Protein backbone atom coordinates (compact mmCIF):
# COMPACT_ATOMS: atom_id res chain seq x y z
CA UNK A 1 8.07 -14.08 -18.12
CA UNK A 2 8.86 -12.31 -15.09
CA UNK A 3 9.26 -13.50 -12.20
CA UNK A 4 6.57 -11.12 -9.87
CA UNK A 5 8.86 -9.56 -7.24
CA UNK A 6 7.54 -9.41 -3.72
CA UNK A 7 6.02 -5.89 -3.49
CA UNK A 8 4.11 -7.25 -6.95
CA UNK A 9 2.73 -9.91 -5.07
CA UNK A 10 1.46 -7.43 -2.28
CA UNK A 11 0.28 -5.06 -4.74
CA UNK A 12 -1.48 -8.40 -6.13
CA UNK A 13 -3.10 -9.00 -2.66
CA UNK A 14 -3.97 -5.21 -1.76
CA UNK A 15 -5.70 -4.78 -5.34
CA UNK A 16 -7.86 -8.52 -4.36
CA UNK A 17 -8.93 -6.96 -0.60
CA UNK A 18 -9.86 -4.05 -2.45
CA UNK A 19 -12.03 -5.51 -5.62
CA UNK A 20 -13.41 -7.72 -3.05
CA UNK A 21 -13.75 -5.90 0.50
CA UNK A 22 -13.37 -1.91 -0.10
CA UNK A 23 -10.01 -2.11 1.75
CA UNK A 24 -7.22 -3.71 2.54
CA UNK A 25 -4.87 -3.08 6.05
CA UNK A 26 -0.96 -3.95 4.91
CA UNK A 27 0.55 -4.17 8.60
CA UNK A 28 4.30 -2.50 9.31
CA UNK A 29 5.94 -5.96 8.26
CA UNK A 30 3.94 -5.29 4.11
CA UNK A 31 4.65 -1.70 4.62
CA UNK A 32 8.98 -2.23 5.01
CA UNK A 33 8.59 -3.24 1.10
CA UNK A 34 6.23 -0.10 0.49
CA UNK A 35 9.07 2.39 1.70
CA UNK A 36 11.78 0.52 -0.36
CA UNK A 37 14.43 1.74 2.24
CA UNK A 38 12.98 4.96 3.40
CA UNK A 39 13.01 5.94 7.07
CA UNK A 40 12.22 9.32 7.05
CA UNK A 41 8.58 10.09 7.12
CA UNK A 42 7.59 12.43 4.51
CA UNK A 43 9.55 10.21 2.51
CA UNK A 44 7.33 6.86 3.49
CA UNK A 45 4.22 8.78 2.86
CA UNK A 46 5.33 9.81 -0.60
CA UNK A 47 5.75 5.92 -1.00
CA UNK A 48 2.45 5.34 -0.08
CA UNK A 49 0.87 8.19 -1.90
CA UNK A 50 2.38 7.04 -4.74
CA UNK A 51 1.03 3.40 -4.45
CA UNK A 52 -1.85 5.20 -4.33
CA UNK A 53 -1.91 6.84 -7.22
CA UNK A 54 -0.15 4.84 -9.22
CA UNK A 55 -3.65 2.09 -8.65
CA UNK A 56 -5.96 4.56 -7.76
CA UNK A 57 -6.49 3.68 -4.53
CA UNK A 58 -7.53 5.68 -1.01
CA UNK A 59 -5.77 4.95 1.95
CA UNK A 60 -5.74 6.42 5.69
CA UNK A 61 -2.80 5.72 8.11
CA UNK A 62 -4.21 5.00 11.40
CA UNK A 63 -1.51 4.80 13.12
CA UNK A 64 1.58 6.68 13.71
CA UNK A 65 3.07 4.68 10.12
CA UNK A 66 2.24 1.51 11.63
CA UNK A 67 -0.13 0.35 8.90
CA UNK A 68 -2.22 1.66 6.55
CA UNK A 69 -5.58 1.19 4.92
CA UNK A 70 -5.37 1.16 1.24
CA UNK A 71 -9.50 1.69 0.49
CA UNK A 72 -11.24 1.79 -2.95
CA UNK A 73 -11.68 5.15 -4.33
CA UNK A 74 -15.59 6.29 -4.62
CA UNK A 75 -16.98 6.62 -8.44
């Protein structure tokens, strides 16, 4: 069995928070894993968007790409 990557563990954490609380704030340090080396804002946004789409979450960018809030999508 494969060991989960740090990104897998972060996704599990986000999913658990979204399920329990309806949203999850992801810090700048955690976003580094999601950005996967992207440095341009457009590419970083695409990384966030792709994760949100894959797991059926909404998202909000409260700062200037320094944090993100993943949210449960309305039914």
